[in-house]
N, C-alpha and C. Protein backbone atom coordinates (compact mmCIF):
# COMPACT_ATOMS: atom_id res chain seq x y z
N THR A 1 18.14 -39.64 25.45
CA THR A 1 17.77 -38.45 24.32
C THR A 1 16.50 -37.51 24.46
N LEU A 2 17.00 -36.19 23.91
CA LEU A 2 15.98 -35.13 23.43
C LEU A 2 14.62 -35.38 22.72
N HIS A 3 13.53 -35.64 22.86
CA HIS A 3 12.64 -35.83 22.05
C HIS A 3 12.22 -34.03 21.28
N SER A 4 12.23 -34.36 19.77
CA SER A 4 11.99 -32.97 19.13
C SER A 4 10.34 -32.98 19.45
N VAL A 5 10.15 -31.24 19.12
CA VAL A 5 9.18 -30.74 19.96
C VAL A 5 8.42 -30.07 18.83
N PRO A 6 7.42 -30.39 17.66
CA PRO A 6 6.93 -29.63 16.58
C PRO A 6 6.63 -28.31 16.55
N PRO A 7 6.72 -27.51 15.64
CA PRO A 7 7.16 -25.91 15.96
C PRO A 7 5.63 -25.90 16.05
N ILE A 8 5.08 -24.78 16.98
CA ILE A 8 3.94 -24.50 17.21
C ILE A 8 3.04 -23.44 16.09
N LYS A 9 1.68 -23.86 15.70
CA LYS A 9 1.36 -23.13 13.96
C LYS A 9 0.99 -22.22 14.33
N PRO A 10 1.06 -21.38 14.24
CA PRO A 10 0.12 -19.86 14.79
C PRO A 10 -1.47 -20.43 14.34
N ALA A 11 -2.25 -19.85 15.50
CA ALA A 11 -3.59 -19.82 15.41
C ALA A 11 -3.99 -18.91 14.01
N GLU A 12 -5.35 -19.65 13.19
CA GLU A 12 -5.42 -19.01 12.11
C GLU A 12 -6.43 -17.32 12.49
N PRO A 13 -6.63 -16.85 12.45
CA PRO A 13 -7.19 -15.31 12.33
C PRO A 13 -9.04 -16.03 12.45
N PRO A 14 -9.48 -15.32 13.04
CA PRO A 14 -11.03 -15.31 12.84
C PRO A 14 -11.63 -15.08 11.77
N LEU A 15 -12.51 -15.68 10.99
CA LEU A 15 -13.39 -15.18 9.91
C LEU A 15 -13.98 -13.99 10.14
N VAL A 16 -14.45 -13.25 11.22
CA VAL A 16 -14.77 -12.04 11.16
C VAL A 16 -14.45 -11.90 12.84
N ASP A 17 -13.89 -10.23 12.91
CA ASP A 17 -13.19 -9.81 14.05
C ASP A 17 -14.33 -9.41 14.71
N PHE A 18 -14.98 -9.66 15.26
CA PHE A 18 -16.67 -9.19 16.16
C PHE A 18 -15.51 -7.95 16.87
N MET A 19 -15.07 -7.75 17.43
CA MET A 19 -14.05 -6.71 18.59
C MET A 19 -13.59 -5.48 17.54
N TYR A 20 -13.63 -5.47 16.47
CA TYR A 20 -13.14 -4.84 15.54
C TYR A 20 -14.33 -3.86 14.84
N LEU A 21 -15.81 -4.79 14.64
CA LEU A 21 -16.63 -4.75 13.98
C LEU A 21 -17.60 -3.48 15.44
N GLU A 22 -17.53 -3.89 16.41
CA GLU A 22 -18.07 -3.44 17.59
C GLU A 22 -16.92 -2.03 17.99
N THR A 23 -15.97 -1.85 17.56
CA THR A 23 -15.16 -0.39 18.41
C THR A 23 -14.72 0.14 17.12
N ALA A 24 -14.75 0.06 15.60
CA ALA A 24 -14.35 0.54 14.55
C ALA A 24 -14.89 1.80 14.15
N ILE A 25 -16.36 2.24 14.98
CA ILE A 25 -17.28 3.45 14.57
C ILE A 25 -17.36 3.94 16.01
N PRO A 26 -16.08 5.35 16.63
CA PRO A 26 -16.51 4.98 18.47
C PRO A 26 -17.76 5.92 18.71
N GLY A 27 -18.13 5.49 19.62
CA GLY A 27 -19.40 6.33 19.80
C GLY A 27 -20.81 5.97 19.43
N VAL A 28 -20.61 5.25 18.68
CA VAL A 28 -22.24 4.95 18.06
C VAL A 28 -21.93 3.23 18.61
N THR A 29 -23.32 2.61 18.66
CA THR A 29 -23.52 1.96 19.67
C THR A 29 -25.16 1.17 19.04
N GLY A 30 -25.80 0.26 19.78
CA GLY A 30 -26.91 -0.63 19.38
C GLY A 30 -27.39 -0.67 18.12
N PRO A 31 -28.96 -0.02 17.67
CA PRO A 31 -29.63 -0.19 16.66
C PRO A 31 -28.82 0.33 15.62
N LYS A 32 -28.36 1.95 15.96
CA LYS A 32 -27.29 2.51 14.90
C LYS A 32 -25.84 1.78 14.24
N LEU A 33 -25.46 1.27 15.42
CA LEU A 33 -24.30 0.69 15.23
C LEU A 33 -24.78 -0.65 14.08
N ALA A 34 -25.68 -1.26 14.41
CA ALA A 34 -25.79 -2.54 13.63
C ALA A 34 -26.24 -2.11 12.26
N ALA A 35 -27.55 -0.95 11.87
CA ALA A 35 -28.14 -0.39 11.00
C ALA A 35 -26.56 0.41 9.61
N ILE A 36 -25.47 0.60 10.48
CA ILE A 36 -24.16 0.89 9.68
C ILE A 36 -23.54 -0.57 9.49
N GLN A 37 -23.47 -1.45 10.49
CA GLN A 37 -23.22 -2.63 9.77
C GLN A 37 -23.42 -3.23 8.44
N GLN A 38 -24.93 -3.38 8.57
CA GLN A 38 -25.61 -3.98 7.89
C GLN A 38 -25.11 -2.95 6.35
N ARG A 39 -25.25 -1.82 6.22
CA ARG A 39 -24.86 -0.98 4.91
C ARG A 39 -23.24 -1.33 4.75
N MET A 40 -22.52 -1.83 5.58
CA MET A 40 -21.08 -2.17 4.96
C MET A 40 -20.57 -3.26 4.59
N HIS A 41 -21.84 -4.32 5.14
CA HIS A 41 -21.93 -5.72 4.32
C HIS A 41 -22.22 -5.71 3.16
N ARG A 42 -23.49 -5.04 3.04
CA ARG A 42 -24.01 -4.65 1.69
C ARG A 42 -23.40 -4.45 0.49
N ALA A 43 -22.17 -2.87 1.04
CA ALA A 43 -21.58 -2.71 0.73
C ALA A 43 -19.95 -3.32 -0.17
N VAL A 44 -19.45 -4.33 0.94
CA VAL A 44 -18.52 -5.31 0.33
C VAL A 44 -18.89 -6.03 -0.30
N THR A 45 -20.03 -6.83 -0.11
CA THR A 45 -20.96 -7.17 -0.83
C THR A 45 -20.64 -7.01 -2.62
N ARG A 46 -21.14 -5.98 -2.70
CA ARG A 46 -20.95 -4.89 -3.83
C ARG A 46 -19.50 -5.49 -4.45
N ASP A 47 -19.22 -4.60 -3.22
CA ASP A 47 -17.00 -4.63 -3.60
C ASP A 47 -17.29 -5.47 -4.69
N PHE A 48 -17.15 -6.88 -3.49
CA PHE A 48 -16.79 -8.58 -3.94
C PHE A 48 -16.92 -8.71 -5.66
N GLU A 49 -18.36 -8.59 -5.08
CA GLU A 49 -18.88 -8.89 -6.81
C GLU A 49 -18.10 -8.13 -8.31
N THR A 50 -18.08 -6.95 -7.55
CA THR A 50 -17.20 -6.36 -8.59
C THR A 50 -15.71 -6.39 -9.32
N ILE A 51 -15.19 -6.40 -8.21
CA ILE A 51 -13.72 -6.93 -7.61
C ILE A 51 -13.70 -8.68 -8.28
N TRP A 52 -14.37 -9.47 -7.91
CA TRP A 52 -14.10 -10.99 -8.55
C TRP A 52 -13.69 -10.73 -9.65
N PRO A 53 -14.69 -11.01 -10.71
CA PRO A 53 -14.38 -10.96 -12.40
C PRO A 53 -12.63 -10.88 -12.79
N GLN A 54 -12.10 -9.58 -11.94
CA GLN A 54 -10.73 -9.33 -11.84
C GLN A 54 -9.96 -10.30 -11.31
N ILE A 55 -10.10 -10.94 -10.65
CA ILE A 55 -9.32 -12.08 -9.91
C ILE A 55 -9.20 -13.26 -10.75
N VAL A 56 -10.36 -13.41 -11.37
CA VAL A 56 -10.93 -14.55 -12.07
C VAL A 56 -9.63 -14.59 -13.26
N GLU A 57 -10.26 -13.43 -13.85
CA GLU A 57 -9.23 -12.99 -15.45
C GLU A 57 -8.01 -12.62 -14.84
N ALA A 58 -7.02 -12.29 -13.60
CA ALA A 58 -5.65 -12.09 -14.06
C ALA A 58 -5.48 -13.54 -13.32
N CYS A 59 -6.09 -14.15 -12.69
CA CYS A 59 -5.74 -15.68 -12.81
C CYS A 59 -5.92 -16.71 -13.61
N SER A 60 -6.55 -16.21 -14.75
CA SER A 60 -6.55 -16.98 -15.80
C SER A 60 -5.52 -16.80 -17.27
N ARG A 61 -5.44 -15.15 -16.67
CA ARG A 61 -4.77 -14.72 -18.03
C ARG A 61 -2.85 -14.52 -17.18
N GLN A 62 -2.51 -15.16 -16.14
CA GLN A 62 -1.63 -15.14 -14.97
C GLN A 62 -1.25 -13.60 -14.98
N ASP A 63 -1.96 -12.27 -14.74
CA ASP A 63 -1.12 -11.14 -14.78
C ASP A 63 -1.15 -10.72 -13.69
N GLN A 64 0.00 -10.57 -13.22
CA GLN A 64 0.76 -10.39 -12.33
C GLN A 64 0.00 -9.08 -11.65
N GLY A 65 -0.02 -7.90 -12.70
CA GLY A 65 -0.36 -6.81 -12.02
C GLY A 65 -1.61 -6.41 -11.72
N GLN A 66 -2.63 -7.27 -12.95
CA GLN A 66 -4.41 -6.82 -12.60
C GLN A 66 -4.00 -8.08 -10.85
N LEU A 67 -3.85 -8.71 -10.78
CA LEU A 67 -3.83 -9.21 -9.61
C LEU A 67 -3.67 -8.66 -8.43
N ALA A 68 -2.40 -7.98 -8.83
CA ALA A 68 -1.86 -7.16 -7.54
C ALA A 68 -3.16 -5.96 -7.42
N GLY A 69 -3.61 -5.88 -8.29
CA GLY A 69 -4.57 -4.47 -8.13
C GLY A 69 -5.50 -4.67 -7.76
N ALA A 70 -6.35 -6.04 -7.72
CA ALA A 70 -7.55 -6.83 -7.30
C ALA A 70 -7.17 -7.16 -6.08
N LEU A 71 -6.23 -8.09 -5.18
CA LEU A 71 -5.85 -8.18 -4.37
C LEU A 71 -6.17 -7.23 -3.62
N HIS A 72 -5.17 -5.89 -3.71
CA HIS A 72 -5.02 -4.41 -3.29
C HIS A 72 -6.50 -4.35 -3.06
N ALA A 73 -7.55 -4.21 -3.72
CA ALA A 73 -8.97 -3.80 -3.60
C ALA A 73 -10.00 -4.68 -2.50
N LEU A 74 -9.57 -5.87 -2.94
CA LEU A 74 -10.07 -6.07 -1.82
C LEU A 74 -10.09 -6.62 -0.69
N LYS A 75 -8.32 -6.14 0.07
CA LYS A 75 -8.00 -6.59 1.18
C LYS A 75 -8.51 -5.45 1.81
N GLY A 76 -8.64 -4.11 0.76
CA GLY A 76 -8.83 -3.13 1.91
C GLY A 76 -10.66 -2.95 1.94
N CYS A 77 -11.25 -3.72 0.98
CA CYS A 77 -12.84 -3.48 1.10
C CYS A 77 -12.71 -4.43 2.45
N PHE A 78 -12.57 -5.70 2.66
CA PHE A 78 -12.76 -6.54 3.41
C PHE A 78 -11.88 -6.35 4.97
N SER A 79 -11.06 -5.24 4.94
CA SER A 79 -10.56 -4.69 6.23
C SER A 79 -11.49 -4.24 7.24
N THR A 80 -12.11 -3.30 6.25
CA THR A 80 -13.31 -2.44 6.72
C THR A 80 -14.32 -3.08 7.55
N VAL A 81 -14.56 -4.36 7.15
CA VAL A 81 -15.45 -4.88 8.24
C VAL A 81 -15.19 -6.30 8.93
N GLY A 82 -14.01 -5.69 9.00
CA GLY A 82 -12.89 -6.70 10.11
C GLY A 82 -12.94 -8.85 9.77
N TRP A 83 -13.20 -8.67 8.33
CA TRP A 83 -12.64 -9.74 7.71
C TRP A 83 -11.33 -10.63 7.91
N SER A 84 -10.65 -10.54 9.20
CA SER A 84 -9.81 -11.11 9.13
C SER A 84 -9.04 -12.11 8.29
N ARG A 85 -9.46 -13.22 7.68
CA ARG A 85 -9.09 -14.23 7.05
C ARG A 85 -8.58 -13.63 5.78
N ILE A 86 -10.11 -13.57 5.34
CA ILE A 86 -9.87 -13.04 3.89
C ILE A 86 -8.61 -11.96 3.53
N THR A 87 -8.80 -10.75 4.39
CA THR A 87 -7.98 -10.01 4.78
C THR A 87 -6.30 -10.36 4.56
N GLY A 88 -6.31 -11.72 5.45
CA GLY A 88 -4.83 -11.74 5.60
C GLY A 88 -4.44 -12.52 4.76
N ARG A 89 -5.29 -13.36 3.79
CA ARG A 89 -5.02 -14.14 2.82
C ARG A 89 -4.45 -13.48 1.65
N CYS A 90 -5.57 -12.05 0.94
CA CYS A 90 -5.13 -11.05 0.22
C CYS A 90 -3.68 -10.53 0.44
N ALA A 91 -3.80 -9.96 1.56
CA ALA A 91 -2.25 -9.38 2.48
C ALA A 91 -0.97 -9.89 2.05
N GLU A 92 -0.92 -11.44 2.45
CA GLU A 92 0.11 -12.50 1.94
C GLU A 92 0.46 -12.59 0.72
N GLU A 93 -0.85 -12.64 0.16
CA GLU A 93 -0.14 -12.87 -1.83
C GLU A 93 -0.13 -11.57 -2.70
N LEU A 94 -0.39 -9.95 -2.06
CA LEU A 94 -0.17 -9.03 -2.96
C LEU A 94 0.68 -8.91 -3.07
N PRO A 95 2.27 -8.89 -1.77
CA PRO A 95 3.34 -8.59 -2.58
C PRO A 95 3.91 -9.53 -3.03
N ARG A 96 3.52 -10.68 -2.84
CA ARG A 96 3.82 -11.76 -4.58
C ARG A 96 3.64 -11.32 -5.87
N ALA A 97 2.59 -10.92 -5.76
CA ALA A 97 2.01 -10.11 -6.82
C ALA A 97 2.84 -8.96 -7.69
N ARG A 98 3.23 -7.92 -6.33
CA ARG A 98 3.75 -6.89 -6.84
C ARG A 98 5.43 -7.02 -7.27
N ALA A 99 5.56 -8.29 -7.03
CA ALA A 99 7.14 -8.46 -7.21
C ALA A 99 7.29 -9.56 -8.26
N GLN A 100 6.38 -10.12 -9.38
CA GLN A 100 6.26 -10.87 -10.21
C GLN A 100 6.31 -12.00 -9.97
N GLN A 101 6.19 -12.52 -8.96
CA GLN A 101 6.11 -14.01 -8.34
C GLN A 101 5.42 -14.76 -7.45
N PHE A 102 4.00 -14.33 -7.81
CA PHE A 102 2.95 -14.97 -7.61
C PHE A 102 2.45 -16.32 -8.27
N SER A 103 2.26 -17.49 -8.07
CA SER A 103 2.28 -18.85 -8.65
C SER A 103 1.19 -19.47 -8.60
N GLU A 104 0.05 -18.99 -7.44
CA GLU A 104 -1.05 -20.26 -7.04
C GLU A 104 -2.37 -19.52 -8.19
N TRP A 105 -1.88 -19.73 -9.17
CA TRP A 105 -2.78 -19.56 -10.41
C TRP A 105 -4.50 -19.86 -10.07
N SER A 106 -3.55 -21.60 -10.03
CA SER A 106 -5.14 -21.95 -10.16
C SER A 106 -5.86 -22.64 -8.95
N THR A 107 -5.53 -22.12 -7.44
CA THR A 107 -6.30 -22.22 -6.23
C THR A 107 -6.46 -21.31 -5.80
N LEU A 108 -6.10 -19.82 -6.09
CA LEU A 108 -5.96 -18.50 -5.65
C LEU A 108 -7.84 -18.38 -5.60
N PRO A 109 -8.32 -18.09 -6.60
CA PRO A 109 -9.60 -18.24 -6.99
C PRO A 109 -10.28 -18.99 -6.18
N ALA A 110 -10.19 -20.25 -6.37
CA ALA A 110 -11.50 -20.73 -5.11
C ALA A 110 -11.35 -20.83 -3.77
N GLU A 111 -10.18 -20.46 -3.39
CA GLU A 111 -10.10 -20.30 -2.21
C GLU A 111 -10.58 -18.90 -1.46
N LEU A 112 -10.10 -17.84 -1.96
CA LEU A 112 -10.84 -16.22 -2.18
C LEU A 112 -12.43 -16.91 -2.11
N GLN A 113 -13.24 -17.34 -2.55
CA GLN A 113 -14.35 -17.92 -2.60
C GLN A 113 -14.93 -18.15 -1.52
N GLN A 114 -14.17 -19.48 -1.14
CA GLN A 114 -14.10 -20.18 -0.12
C GLN A 114 -14.48 -19.21 1.49
N LEU A 115 -13.09 -18.33 1.40
CA LEU A 115 -13.04 -17.49 2.30
C LEU A 115 -14.40 -16.19 2.62
N TYR A 116 -14.76 -15.70 1.29
CA TYR A 116 -15.72 -14.97 0.78
C TYR A 116 -17.33 -15.46 0.94
N ALA A 117 -17.28 -16.69 0.97
CA ALA A 117 -18.71 -17.55 1.31
C ALA A 117 -18.86 -17.71 3.10
N ALA A 118 -18.12 -18.19 3.60
CA ALA A 118 -17.63 -18.31 4.84
C ALA A 118 -17.66 -16.98 5.87
N SER A 119 -16.71 -16.01 6.00
CA SER A 119 -17.17 -14.67 5.83
C SER A 119 -17.95 -14.34 6.01
N THR A 120 -18.81 -14.07 4.36
CA THR A 120 -20.25 -13.65 4.58
C THR A 120 -21.49 -14.59 5.55
N ALA A 121 -21.19 -15.36 5.39
CA ALA A 121 -21.84 -16.03 6.39
C ALA A 121 -21.77 -15.64 7.88
N GLU A 122 -20.72 -15.70 7.77
CA GLU A 122 -20.50 -15.49 9.97
C GLU A 122 -21.30 -14.04 9.95
N MET A 123 -20.41 -13.23 9.13
CA MET A 123 -21.39 -11.35 8.75
C MET A 123 -22.75 -11.76 8.99
N THR A 124 -23.63 -12.54 8.47
CA THR A 124 -25.08 -12.36 8.59
C THR A 124 -25.15 -13.26 9.55
N ARG A 125 -24.67 -14.21 10.32
CA ARG A 125 -25.50 -14.63 11.82
C ARG A 125 -24.82 -13.73 12.64
N TYR A 126 -23.61 -13.23 12.57
CA TYR A 126 -23.34 -11.77 13.61
C TYR A 126 -24.62 -10.39 13.51
N LEU A 127 -24.96 -10.29 12.33
CA LEU A 127 -25.65 -9.07 12.12
C LEU A 127 -27.23 -9.26 12.39
N ALA A 128 -27.78 -10.79 12.22
CA ALA A 128 -28.85 -11.29 12.80
C ALA A 128 -29.35 -11.73 14.48
N ALA A 129 -27.99 -11.67 14.96
CA ALA A 129 -27.72 -11.97 16.64
C ALA A 129 -28.11 -10.32 16.78
N VAL A 130 -27.56 -9.07 16.21
CA VAL A 130 -27.28 -8.10 16.81
C VAL A 130 -28.41 -7.01 16.98
N ASP A 131 -29.08 -7.53 15.45
CA ASP A 131 -30.37 -6.75 15.04
C ASP A 131 -31.39 -7.15 14.42
N PRO A 132 -32.08 -7.93 14.88
CA PRO A 132 -33.06 -9.78 14.13
C PRO A 132 -33.94 -8.80 13.35
N VAL A 133 -34.38 -7.47 13.41
CA VAL A 133 -35.73 -7.00 12.80
C VAL A 133 -35.03 -6.30 11.61
N GLU A 134 -33.58 -6.05 11.72
CA GLU A 134 -33.22 -4.84 10.43
C GLU A 134 -32.68 -5.96 9.67
N SER A 135 -32.05 -7.15 10.18
CA SER A 135 -31.52 -8.21 9.26
C SER A 135 -32.79 -9.12 8.66
N ALA A 136 -33.88 -9.19 8.91
CA ALA A 136 -34.60 -9.86 8.36
C ALA A 136 -35.60 -9.07 7.70
N ALA A 137 -35.70 -7.74 7.60
CA ALA A 137 -36.34 -6.98 6.82
C ALA A 137 -36.05 -6.51 5.69
N PRO A 138 -36.85 -6.66 4.59
CA PRO A 138 -36.36 -6.79 3.62
C PRO A 138 -36.39 -5.32 2.57
N MET A 139 -35.30 -4.98 2.06
CA MET A 139 -35.39 -3.40 1.34
C MET A 139 -35.67 -3.21 0.60
N SER A 140 -37.10 -2.01 0.57
CA SER A 140 -37.28 -1.59 -0.10
C SER A 140 -36.71 -0.84 -1.56
N LYS A 141 -37.28 -0.77 -2.71
CA LYS A 141 -35.88 -0.20 -3.67
C LYS A 141 -35.65 0.95 -3.14
N ASP A 142 -36.45 1.97 -2.94
CA ASP A 142 -35.78 3.50 -2.31
C ASP A 142 -34.71 3.53 -1.28
N GLN A 143 -34.56 2.43 -0.48
CA GLN A 143 -33.62 1.88 0.11
C GLN A 143 -32.75 1.33 0.15
N ALA A 144 -32.51 0.56 -1.15
CA ALA A 144 -31.52 0.13 -1.97
C ALA A 144 -30.72 0.95 -2.64
N GLU A 145 -31.28 2.18 -2.81
CA GLU A 145 -30.83 3.24 -4.06
C GLU A 145 -30.09 4.20 -2.98
N THR A 146 -30.46 4.44 -1.98
CA THR A 146 -30.43 5.39 -0.98
C THR A 146 -29.19 4.93 0.60
N ASN A 147 -29.09 3.59 1.03
CA ASN A 147 -28.27 3.19 1.30
C ASN A 147 -27.04 2.55 0.91
N PRO A 148 -25.88 2.33 1.13
CA PRO A 148 -24.68 1.38 -0.10
C PRO A 148 -24.80 0.43 0.86
């Protein structure tokens, strides 16, 4: 008799695509690249904090259009820093929301929050490894205002 073989489940993408991070800005390496990556991480954090309430509101109101707009924004935001898993999750649900077929209203916010927390923790570890001085240095108010 033939044994049935279970289908191979595709591997999940990494939380953070480090190869992408290291090659996204051609010609920039070392401390300069680390500084840019730090600014990108801060920008993504601000974007998430701005867009997150829209996700929560869209899910509580079951508003497909608002959800599609927020997912599109998050997908773009996360893809700029190589956050593969959360980018993929947003990309997976975006067409459903656009087609008015999204249905995971009660679970998506928590799932995105968990993916965000895991991705930002992974990015923080990465940045501390590539430039521990920059990662540990507190940002002055002037730097915070001039650095995104």
